[in-house]
């Protein structure tokens, strides 16, 4: 929970982010043999490591640069899970 966000914002984060991350992991797992998915995963991993090591704070702005890639993997995972 982020203390400077409203309660509605915190609830939205708690309800949506776990689903997004679970589908992103599922999408990565199912498509891990594709080189583009490996590139996306490595960008997320290395950016997270660099930001976490040097710039981590409470506001979450560090997600701005790679959250679209997580969303891409999440959409692929949700499509695979639904059988499309």
Protein backbone atom coordinates (compact mmCIF):
# COMPACT_ATOMS: atom_id res chain seq x y z
CA UNK A 1 0.00 0.00 0.00
CA UNK A 2 1.25 3.41 -0.90
CA UNK A 3 0.41 5.95 1.79
CA UNK A 4 0.11 8.92 -0.57
CA UNK A 5 -2.41 7.23 -2.89
CA UNK A 6 -6.13 7.33 -2.21
CA UNK A 7 -7.84 4.22 -0.84
CA UNK A 8 -9.58 3.63 -4.19
CA UNK A 9 -6.25 3.80 -5.99
CA UNK A 10 -4.65 1.34 -3.56
CA UNK A 11 -7.57 -1.08 -3.95
CA UNK A 12 -7.34 -0.86 -7.75
CA UNK A 13 -3.62 -1.64 -7.55
CA UNK A 14 -4.19 -4.58 -5.20
CA UNK A 15 -6.86 -6.05 -7.47
CA UNK A 16 -5.26 -5.53 -10.87
CA UNK A 17 -1.49 -5.84 -10.53
CA UNK A 18 -1.39 -9.45 -9.27
CA UNK A 19 -3.53 -10.55 -12.22
CA UNK A 20 -1.31 -8.66 -14.66
CA UNK A 21 1.86 -10.16 -13.20
CA UNK A 22 0.46 -13.70 -13.11
CA UNK A 23 -0.61 -13.54 -16.75
CA UNK A 24 2.75 -12.00 -17.69
CA UNK A 25 4.59 -14.88 -16.03
CA UNK A 26 2.27 -17.38 -17.71
CA UNK A 27 2.81 -15.73 -21.09
CA UNK A 28 6.57 -15.71 -20.61
CA UNK A 29 6.55 -19.37 -19.57
CA UNK A 30 4.43 -20.46 -22.53
CA UNK A 31 6.37 -18.43 -25.11
CA UNK A 32 9.87 -18.72 -23.64
CA UNK A 33 11.27 -20.37 -26.77
CA UNK A 34 10.59 -17.25 -28.86
CA UNK A 35 13.61 -14.95 -29.08
CA UNK A 36 11.49 -11.79 -28.90
CA UNK A 37 9.94 -12.96 -25.62
CA UNK A 38 13.42 -13.64 -24.25
CA UNK A 39 14.47 -10.12 -25.27
CA UNK A 40 11.40 -8.63 -23.56
CA UNK A 41 12.12 -10.67 -20.44
CA UNK A 42 15.75 -9.60 -20.36
CA UNK A 43 14.85 -5.91 -20.77
CA UNK A 44 12.41 -6.20 -17.85
CA UNK A 45 14.93 -8.10 -15.73
CA UNK A 46 17.91 -5.83 -16.35
CA UNK A 47 15.95 -2.62 -16.05
CA UNK A 48 14.42 -3.82 -12.79
CA UNK A 49 17.83 -4.79 -11.43
CA UNK A 50 19.41 -1.45 -12.31
CA UNK A 51 16.54 0.61 -10.95
CA UNK A 52 16.19 -1.50 -7.80
CA UNK A 53 19.90 -1.22 -7.09
CA UNK A 54 20.19 2.53 -7.54
CA UNK A 55 16.88 4.37 -7.66
CA UNK A 56 14.16 2.40 -5.85
CA UNK A 57 11.62 4.49 -3.97
CA UNK A 58 7.93 4.48 -3.06
CA UNK A 59 6.39 6.27 -6.00
CA UNK A 60 6.69 3.53 -8.63
CA UNK A 61 7.80 5.77 -11.48
CA UNK A 62 10.51 3.28 -12.32
CA UNK A 63 7.78 1.00 -13.74
CA UNK A 64 7.00 3.60 -16.38
CA UNK A 65 9.69 2.39 -18.77
CA UNK A 66 9.05 -1.35 -18.75
CA UNK A 67 5.46 -1.80 -17.56
CA UNK A 68 4.21 -1.75 -21.18
CA UNK A 69 6.41 -4.81 -21.80
CA UNK A 70 4.86 -6.51 -18.77
CA UNK A 71 1.45 -5.61 -20.19
CA UNK A 72 2.42 -7.13 -23.53
CA UNK A 73 3.43 -10.40 -21.90
CA UNK A 74 0.29 -10.28 -19.77
CA UNK A 75 -1.93 -9.87 -22.84
CA UNK A 76 -0.18 -12.78 -24.54
CA UNK A 77 -0.56 -14.90 -21.42
CA UNK A 78 -4.25 -14.04 -21.08
CA UNK A 79 -4.85 -14.88 -24.76
CA UNK A 80 -3.06 -18.21 -24.38
CA UNK A 81 -4.95 -18.97 -21.18
CA UNK A 82 -8.29 -18.28 -22.85
CA UNK A 83 -7.31 -20.47 -25.78
CA UNK A 84 -7.13 -17.80 -28.47
